[in-house]
Amino acid sequence: QVQLVESGGGLVQAGDSLRLSCAISGRPLSSFAMGWFRQAPGKERLFVAAISRSGIITNYADSVKGRFTVSRDNTKELVYLQMNSLKPDDTAVYYCAADLRTTDLISYFWSTYPYWGQGTQVSVSS
């Protein structure tokens, strides 16, 4: 059974940085493209970033491009989301998600990811 566990969230001030981690178990991380999504209260779940199985392909939502970086360490079974220059609009629950793939491609659509973590809260004060 595949399980994902996020960590690293917290309360920070605008301009600060945080690094989220996502640990996977039950199947090798190298089998999955990975995505990060976020959901603010009363709003829909939105794509943040994704990284292919090899780590070669990455993509970001326009709202975080240049501030966030997604990376992975398949040997440690960990995926990271480095978030810099945080803004109050970044406040949300952040979820990592895994998409079992045979190709080195990524998806921006939350519905294509069958495995999800429980989420970690990121709160940014102004």
N, C-alpha and C. Protein backbone atom coordinates (compact mmCIF):
# COMPACT_ATOMS: atom_id res chain seq x y z
N GLN A 1 0.85 -1.19 0.00
CA GLN A 1 0.00 0.00 0.00
C GLN A 1 0.88 1.24 0.00
N VAL A 2 0.63 2.13 -0.94
CA VAL A 2 1.43 3.35 -1.05
C VAL A 2 0.93 4.37 -0.04
N GLN A 3 1.87 4.94 0.70
CA GLN A 3 1.54 5.99 1.66
C GLN A 3 2.47 7.18 1.45
N LEU A 4 1.91 8.37 1.59
CA LEU A 4 2.66 9.62 1.47
C LEU A 4 2.48 10.41 2.76
N VAL A 5 3.57 10.96 3.26
CA VAL A 5 3.51 11.76 4.48
C VAL A 5 4.28 13.05 4.25
N GLU A 6 3.57 14.17 4.36
CA GLU A 6 4.19 15.48 4.22
C GLU A 6 4.66 15.99 5.58
N SER A 7 5.66 16.84 5.53
CA SER A 7 6.14 17.51 6.73
C SER A 7 6.78 18.83 6.32
N GLY A 8 6.99 19.69 7.33
CA GLY A 8 7.71 20.93 7.08
C GLY A 8 6.87 22.18 7.04
N GLY A 9 5.56 22.04 7.17
CA GLY A 9 4.72 23.22 7.16
C GLY A 9 4.87 24.01 8.46
N GLY A 10 4.24 25.19 8.47
CA GLY A 10 4.31 26.01 9.67
C GLY A 10 3.80 27.41 9.42
N LEU A 11 3.99 28.26 10.44
CA LEU A 11 3.59 29.66 10.36
C LEU A 11 4.83 30.51 10.19
N VAL A 12 4.86 31.28 9.11
CA VAL A 12 6.01 32.14 8.83
C VAL A 12 5.52 33.52 8.44
N GLN A 13 6.45 34.45 8.33
CA GLN A 13 6.13 35.79 7.88
C GLN A 13 6.39 35.93 6.38
N ALA A 14 5.75 36.90 5.79
CA ALA A 14 5.96 37.18 4.37
C ALA A 14 7.44 37.40 4.10
N GLY A 15 7.93 36.79 3.04
CA GLY A 15 9.34 36.89 2.69
C GLY A 15 10.18 35.74 3.20
N ASP A 16 9.67 34.97 4.14
CA ASP A 16 10.41 33.84 4.69
C ASP A 16 10.39 32.65 3.73
N SER A 17 11.12 31.62 4.13
CA SER A 17 11.19 30.39 3.35
C SER A 17 10.77 29.19 4.18
N LEU A 18 10.30 28.17 3.51
CA LEU A 18 10.00 26.88 4.11
C LEU A 18 10.36 25.80 3.11
N ARG A 19 10.71 24.64 3.63
CA ARG A 19 10.91 23.48 2.77
C ARG A 19 9.99 22.36 3.23
N LEU A 20 9.11 21.97 2.34
CA LEU A 20 8.24 20.83 2.60
C LEU A 20 8.90 19.55 2.11
N SER A 21 8.66 18.49 2.83
CA SER A 21 9.15 17.17 2.44
C SER A 21 7.97 16.23 2.30
N CYS A 22 8.13 15.26 1.44
CA CYS A 22 7.11 14.23 1.26
C CYS A 22 7.82 12.88 1.21
N ALA A 23 7.51 12.03 2.17
CA ALA A 23 8.10 10.70 2.23
C ALA A 23 7.11 9.69 1.69
N ILE A 24 7.60 8.80 0.85
CA ILE A 24 6.75 7.77 0.26
C ILE A 24 7.17 6.41 0.77
N SER A 25 6.20 5.53 0.94
CA SER A 25 6.48 4.16 1.32
C SER A 25 5.52 3.23 0.59
N GLY A 26 5.88 1.97 0.50
CA GLY A 26 5.03 0.98 -0.12
C GLY A 26 5.40 0.64 -1.54
N ARG A 27 6.11 1.56 -2.20
CA ARG A 27 6.56 1.33 -3.56
C ARG A 27 7.68 2.34 -3.84
N PRO A 28 8.67 1.98 -4.64
CA PRO A 28 9.79 2.91 -4.86
C PRO A 28 9.35 4.23 -5.45
N LEU A 29 9.92 5.30 -4.90
CA LEU A 29 9.60 6.63 -5.40
C LEU A 29 9.88 6.76 -6.88
N SER A 30 10.88 6.04 -7.36
CA SER A 30 11.26 6.13 -8.77
C SER A 30 10.16 5.69 -9.74
N SER A 31 9.12 5.06 -9.21
CA SER A 31 8.00 4.62 -10.06
C SER A 31 7.01 5.73 -10.35
N PHE A 32 7.15 6.85 -9.63
CA PHE A 32 6.12 7.87 -9.63
C PHE A 32 6.60 9.22 -10.14
N ALA A 33 5.75 9.86 -10.94
CA ALA A 33 5.84 11.30 -11.07
C ALA A 33 5.18 11.87 -9.82
N MET A 34 5.67 13.00 -9.35
CA MET A 34 5.17 13.56 -8.10
C MET A 34 4.66 14.98 -8.32
N GLY A 35 3.61 15.29 -7.60
CA GLY A 35 3.06 16.63 -7.70
C GLY A 35 2.83 17.23 -6.33
N TRP A 36 2.84 18.54 -6.30
CA TRP A 36 2.44 19.30 -5.12
C TRP A 36 1.21 20.13 -5.49
N PHE A 37 0.23 20.08 -4.62
CA PHE A 37 -1.00 20.85 -4.79
C PHE A 37 -1.28 21.61 -3.50
N ARG A 38 -2.12 22.60 -3.57
CA ARG A 38 -2.50 23.33 -2.36
C ARG A 38 -3.97 23.70 -2.40
N GLN A 39 -4.52 23.83 -1.21
CA GLN A 39 -5.93 24.16 -1.10
C GLN A 39 -6.13 25.14 0.04
N ALA A 40 -6.61 26.31 -0.28
CA ALA A 40 -6.95 27.31 0.73
C ALA A 40 -8.39 27.10 1.17
N PRO A 41 -8.76 27.57 2.35
CA PRO A 41 -10.12 27.37 2.86
C PRO A 41 -11.16 27.92 1.89
N GLY A 42 -12.14 27.06 1.57
CA GLY A 42 -13.22 27.48 0.71
C GLY A 42 -12.88 27.57 -0.76
N LYS A 43 -11.67 27.12 -1.12
CA LYS A 43 -11.24 27.20 -2.52
C LYS A 43 -10.90 25.82 -3.04
N GLU A 44 -10.76 25.73 -4.36
CA GLU A 44 -10.47 24.44 -4.97
C GLU A 44 -8.99 24.09 -4.80
N ARG A 45 -8.69 22.82 -4.99
CA ARG A 45 -7.31 22.35 -4.92
C ARG A 45 -6.59 22.74 -6.21
N LEU A 46 -5.45 23.36 -6.06
CA LEU A 46 -4.73 23.91 -7.20
C LEU A 46 -3.35 23.27 -7.36
N PHE A 47 -2.94 23.14 -8.60
CA PHE A 47 -1.61 22.65 -8.93
C PHE A 47 -0.56 23.67 -8.49
N VAL A 48 0.53 23.18 -7.90
CA VAL A 48 1.65 24.03 -7.52
C VAL A 48 2.89 23.69 -8.34
N ALA A 49 3.26 22.41 -8.31
CA ALA A 49 4.49 21.99 -9.00
C ALA A 49 4.45 20.50 -9.23
N ALA A 50 5.24 20.06 -10.20
CA ALA A 50 5.35 18.63 -10.47
C ALA A 50 6.74 18.30 -10.95
N ILE A 51 7.13 17.04 -10.75
CA ILE A 51 8.45 16.59 -11.15
C ILE A 51 8.33 15.18 -11.69
N SER A 52 9.04 14.92 -12.78
CA SER A 52 8.94 13.61 -13.41
C SER A 52 9.72 12.56 -12.61
N ARG A 53 9.58 11.33 -13.03
CA ARG A 53 10.23 10.22 -12.32
C ARG A 53 11.73 10.43 -12.21
N SER A 54 12.34 10.87 -13.26
CA SER A 54 13.79 11.06 -13.26
C SER A 54 14.22 12.35 -12.60
N GLY A 55 13.29 13.28 -12.46
CA GLY A 55 13.63 14.61 -11.96
C GLY A 55 14.04 15.59 -13.04
N ILE A 56 14.12 15.11 -14.26
CA ILE A 56 14.56 15.98 -15.37
C ILE A 56 13.50 17.01 -15.73
N ILE A 57 12.25 16.61 -15.69
CA ILE A 57 11.16 17.51 -16.09
C ILE A 57 10.47 18.05 -14.85
N THR A 58 10.36 19.37 -14.79
CA THR A 58 9.61 20.02 -13.72
C THR A 58 8.71 21.08 -14.32
N ASN A 59 7.67 21.41 -13.59
CA ASN A 59 6.81 22.50 -14.02
C ASN A 59 6.14 23.11 -12.82
N TYR A 60 5.76 24.38 -12.97
CA TYR A 60 5.25 25.15 -11.85
C TYR A 60 4.03 25.97 -12.26
N ALA A 61 3.17 26.21 -11.30
CA ALA A 61 2.10 27.17 -11.52
C ALA A 61 2.72 28.56 -11.68
N ASP A 62 2.09 29.39 -12.47
CA ASP A 62 2.61 30.73 -12.69
C ASP A 62 2.76 31.50 -11.39
N SER A 63 1.88 31.25 -10.45
CA SER A 63 1.89 31.99 -9.19
C SER A 63 3.10 31.71 -8.32
N VAL A 64 3.79 30.59 -8.57
CA VAL A 64 4.95 30.24 -7.73
C VAL A 64 6.24 30.17 -8.52
N LYS A 65 6.16 30.35 -9.83
CA LYS A 65 7.34 30.23 -10.68
C LYS A 65 8.39 31.26 -10.25
N GLY A 66 9.62 30.79 -10.09
CA GLY A 66 10.70 31.66 -9.66
C GLY A 66 10.86 31.75 -8.16
N ARG A 67 9.88 31.27 -7.41
CA ARG A 67 9.95 31.29 -5.94
C ARG A 67 10.03 29.89 -5.34
N PHE A 68 9.36 28.94 -5.98
CA PHE A 68 9.31 27.56 -5.48
C PHE A 68 10.17 26.66 -6.36
N THR A 69 10.75 25.64 -5.73
CA THR A 69 11.52 24.65 -6.46
C THR A 69 11.16 23.26 -5.97
N VAL A 70 10.80 22.40 -6.90
CA VAL A 70 10.50 21.01 -6.56
C VAL A 70 11.72 20.15 -6.91
N SER A 71 12.01 19.20 -6.05
CA SER A 71 13.14 18.30 -6.29
C SER A 71 12.83 16.95 -5.67
N ARG A 72 13.67 15.99 -5.97
CA ARG A 72 13.44 14.66 -5.43
C ARG A 72 14.76 13.94 -5.23
N ASP A 73 14.76 13.03 -4.29
CA ASP A 73 15.90 12.15 -4.04
C ASP A 73 15.36 10.74 -4.01
N ASN A 74 15.47 10.06 -5.14
CA ASN A 74 14.90 8.71 -5.24
C ASN A 74 15.60 7.72 -4.32
N THR A 75 16.85 8.00 -3.97
CA THR A 75 17.56 7.07 -3.07
C THR A 75 17.04 7.19 -1.65
N LYS A 76 16.54 8.37 -1.29
CA LYS A 76 16.00 8.58 0.06
C LYS A 76 14.48 8.48 0.09
N GLU A 77 13.87 8.28 -1.07
CA GLU A 77 12.40 8.18 -1.16
C GLU A 77 11.73 9.47 -0.66
N LEU A 78 12.32 10.60 -1.02
CA LEU A 78 11.81 11.89 -0.58
C LEU A 78 11.63 12.85 -1.75
N VAL A 79 10.60 13.65 -1.64
CA VAL A 79 10.35 14.74 -2.57
C VAL A 79 10.28 16.03 -1.75
N TYR A 80 10.78 17.11 -2.33
CA TYR A 80 10.85 18.37 -1.61
C TYR A 80 10.15 19.48 -2.38
N LEU A 81 9.67 20.45 -1.63
CA LEU A 81 9.19 21.69 -2.23
C LEU A 81 9.82 22.83 -1.44
N GLN A 82 10.82 23.46 -2.05
CA GLN A 82 11.46 24.61 -1.43
C GLN A 82 10.67 25.85 -1.79
N MET A 83 10.21 26.56 -0.78
CA MET A 83 9.36 27.73 -1.00
C MET A 83 10.07 28.96 -0.45
N ASN A 84 10.41 29.85 -1.33
CA ASN A 84 11.07 31.10 -0.95
C ASN A 84 10.17 32.30 -1.20
N SER A 85 10.51 33.40 -0.57
CA SER A 85 9.75 34.65 -0.76
C SER A 85 8.26 34.42 -0.60
N LEU A 86 7.91 33.77 0.49
CA LEU A 86 6.51 33.41 0.70
C LEU A 86 5.64 34.64 0.86
N LYS A 87 4.41 34.50 0.37
CA LYS A 87 3.43 35.57 0.42
C LYS A 87 2.19 35.11 1.18
N PRO A 88 1.41 36.03 1.71
CA PRO A 88 0.17 35.61 2.39
C PRO A 88 -0.74 34.77 1.48
N ASP A 89 -0.73 35.04 0.19
CA ASP A 89 -1.56 34.26 -0.75
C ASP A 89 -1.10 32.81 -0.87
N ASP A 90 0.08 32.49 -0.35
CA ASP A 90 0.55 31.10 -0.37
C ASP A 90 -0.04 30.29 0.76
N THR A 91 -0.76 30.92 1.66
CA THR A 91 -1.37 30.22 2.79
C THR A 91 -2.37 29.18 2.29
N ALA A 92 -2.16 27.93 2.70
CA ALA A 92 -3.00 26.82 2.25
C ALA A 92 -2.52 25.54 2.92
N VAL A 93 -3.30 24.50 2.76
CA VAL A 93 -2.83 23.15 3.06
C VAL A 93 -2.14 22.62 1.80
N TYR A 94 -0.93 22.15 1.98
CA TYR A 94 -0.14 21.65 0.85
C TYR A 94 -0.14 20.12 0.88
N TYR A 95 -0.41 19.55 -0.28
CA TYR A 95 -0.48 18.10 -0.43
C TYR A 95 0.55 17.63 -1.45
N CYS A 96 1.20 16.52 -1.15
CA CYS A 96 1.97 15.86 -2.19
C CYS A 96 1.14 14.70 -2.73
N ALA A 97 1.37 14.39 -3.98
CA ALA A 97 0.61 13.37 -4.66
C ALA A 97 1.52 12.58 -5.59
N ALA A 98 1.19 11.30 -5.77
CA ALA A 98 2.01 10.40 -6.58
C ALA A 98 1.19 9.84 -7.73
N ASP A 99 1.82 9.85 -8.90
CA ASP A 99 1.19 9.38 -10.12
C ASP A 99 2.07 8.26 -10.70
N LEU A 100 1.58 7.04 -10.63
CA LEU A 100 2.34 5.89 -11.11
C LEU A 100 2.44 5.96 -12.63
N ARG A 101 3.67 6.02 -13.13
CA ARG A 101 3.86 6.21 -14.56
C ARG A 101 4.95 5.29 -15.11
N THR A 102 4.80 4.95 -16.37
CA THR A 102 5.85 4.20 -17.07
C THR A 102 6.71 5.12 -17.93
N THR A 103 6.28 6.38 -18.06
CA THR A 103 7.01 7.36 -18.86
C THR A 103 7.51 8.49 -17.98
N ASP A 104 8.41 9.28 -18.51
CA ASP A 104 8.99 10.38 -17.74
C ASP A 104 8.24 11.67 -18.04
N LEU A 105 6.94 11.63 -17.73
CA LEU A 105 6.08 12.79 -17.98
C LEU A 105 5.42 13.22 -16.68
N ILE A 106 4.79 14.39 -16.71
CA ILE A 106 4.11 14.89 -15.51
C ILE A 106 2.70 15.32 -15.87
N SER A 107 1.88 15.46 -14.84
CA SER A 107 0.51 15.92 -15.02
C SER A 107 0.25 17.10 -14.10
N TYR A 108 -0.58 18.01 -14.58
CA TYR A 108 -0.97 19.18 -13.79
C TYR A 108 -2.34 18.99 -13.13
N PHE A 109 -3.00 17.89 -13.41
CA PHE A 109 -4.39 17.71 -12.99
C PHE A 109 -4.46 16.81 -11.77
N TRP A 110 -5.07 17.29 -10.71
CA TRP A 110 -5.09 16.52 -9.47
C TRP A 110 -5.80 15.18 -9.66
N SER A 111 -6.73 15.10 -10.60
CA SER A 111 -7.50 13.88 -10.79
C SER A 111 -6.65 12.73 -11.35
N THR A 112 -5.48 13.01 -11.87
CA THR A 112 -4.64 11.94 -12.41
C THR A 112 -3.73 11.33 -11.35
N TYR A 113 -3.75 11.87 -10.16
CA TYR A 113 -2.89 11.37 -9.08
C TYR A 113 -3.71 10.49 -8.14
N PRO A 114 -3.43 9.20 -8.09
CA PRO A 114 -4.24 8.32 -7.24
C PRO A 114 -3.82 8.29 -5.77
N TYR A 115 -2.60 8.72 -5.49
CA TYR A 115 -2.10 8.63 -4.11
C TYR A 115 -1.82 10.03 -3.56
N TRP A 116 -2.29 10.24 -2.30
CA TRP A 116 -2.19 11.57 -1.69
C TRP A 116 -1.74 11.46 -0.25
N GLY A 117 -1.01 12.48 0.19
CA GLY A 117 -0.70 12.60 1.59
C GLY A 117 -1.84 13.29 2.34
N GLN A 118 -1.64 13.46 3.62
CA GLN A 118 -2.68 14.04 4.47
C GLN A 118 -2.65 15.57 4.45
N GLY A 119 -1.58 16.12 3.95
CA GLY A 119 -1.46 17.57 3.86
C GLY A 119 -0.71 18.17 5.02
N THR A 120 -0.09 19.32 4.77
CA THR A 120 0.60 20.06 5.82
C THR A 120 0.23 21.54 5.65
N GLN A 121 -0.06 22.19 6.77
CA GLN A 121 -0.53 23.57 6.73
C GLN A 121 0.65 24.54 6.60
N VAL A 122 0.51 25.44 5.66
CA VAL A 122 1.46 26.55 5.52
C VAL A 122 0.68 27.84 5.70
N SER A 123 1.10 28.64 6.66
CA SER A 123 0.43 29.91 6.93
C SER A 123 1.46 31.02 6.85
N VAL A 124 1.16 32.04 6.06
CA VAL A 124 2.09 33.15 5.86
C VAL A 124 1.40 34.43 6.31
N SER A 125 1.99 35.08 7.29
CA SER A 125 1.42 36.32 7.81
C SER A 125 2.07 37.52 7.13
N SER A 126 1.32 38.59 7.03
CA SER A 126 1.83 39.80 6.35
C SER A 126 2.58 40.70 7.31
